[in-house]
């Protein structure tokens, strides 16, 4: 469909949204310099978390404090560094960082086009749970396992499944033709960035073609399903809220 006549794959409904790169609009956000920031998902959409895409130029910088929120930062592309507790850590594509509430942060670009995916969520304390510490790791060090018994879909859990964590962030990789065994309607809210490949994503009662760079938001209990199409694997990174009493 030609954009000249208002064509787009982007859709926004009450229980889900598909946002495509052609529909992204940059914002100026506090704490970021030399950066192009896109707010893909936020409470303004009806979500209970925020999902950002931030691209830094060669002098790009982000700094501040997480406040009452927790951050999960994933390097989609490029290289850079992060300073935590007065120590600088090198980051590359596939690196990720978890930051608990009230954590000082400084991220610097190591060249042009450092691209960050950032999930932000208000932390929900759990009585008796230990205090959360920052995590700096890389996806290659996380072993994949079959997703719901399907060897053609591999899941990498990037955060511990312990009760102290009220969010999960997972990488899912689908071989061409791999599909979910059923349509799910889960209590968890979800934010997705497609990293590679393409597929068909059922959202609610509609089927949508999706490809690398697309963003998907689903509210709790929104029916959803996915199949990878094409000749190369499809992969995405996914946020979910977990481990808390729904009441």
Foldseek 3Di string as FASTA:
>chain_A
DDCVVPDDLWDADLFKTKFFPVRWDFDDDPQKDQKTKTWPDDCVSVDQKTKMKIWHAQFIKGWDFLAQKKKKKAWLAAWWWKAFPNDIDIDGHQKMKIGHHGTTIMIGGNHGTGIMIMMMHRADADPPDDDDDMDIDGQVVFDWDDDVPHPQKTKGWPDDPDLRDQKTKIKIKGAAFDKDPDWDQAQKKKKKAKNAAWWWKDWANDIGTDGHRMMMTGHHGTTMMIHTHDHGMIMMMMMIGDNDDPD
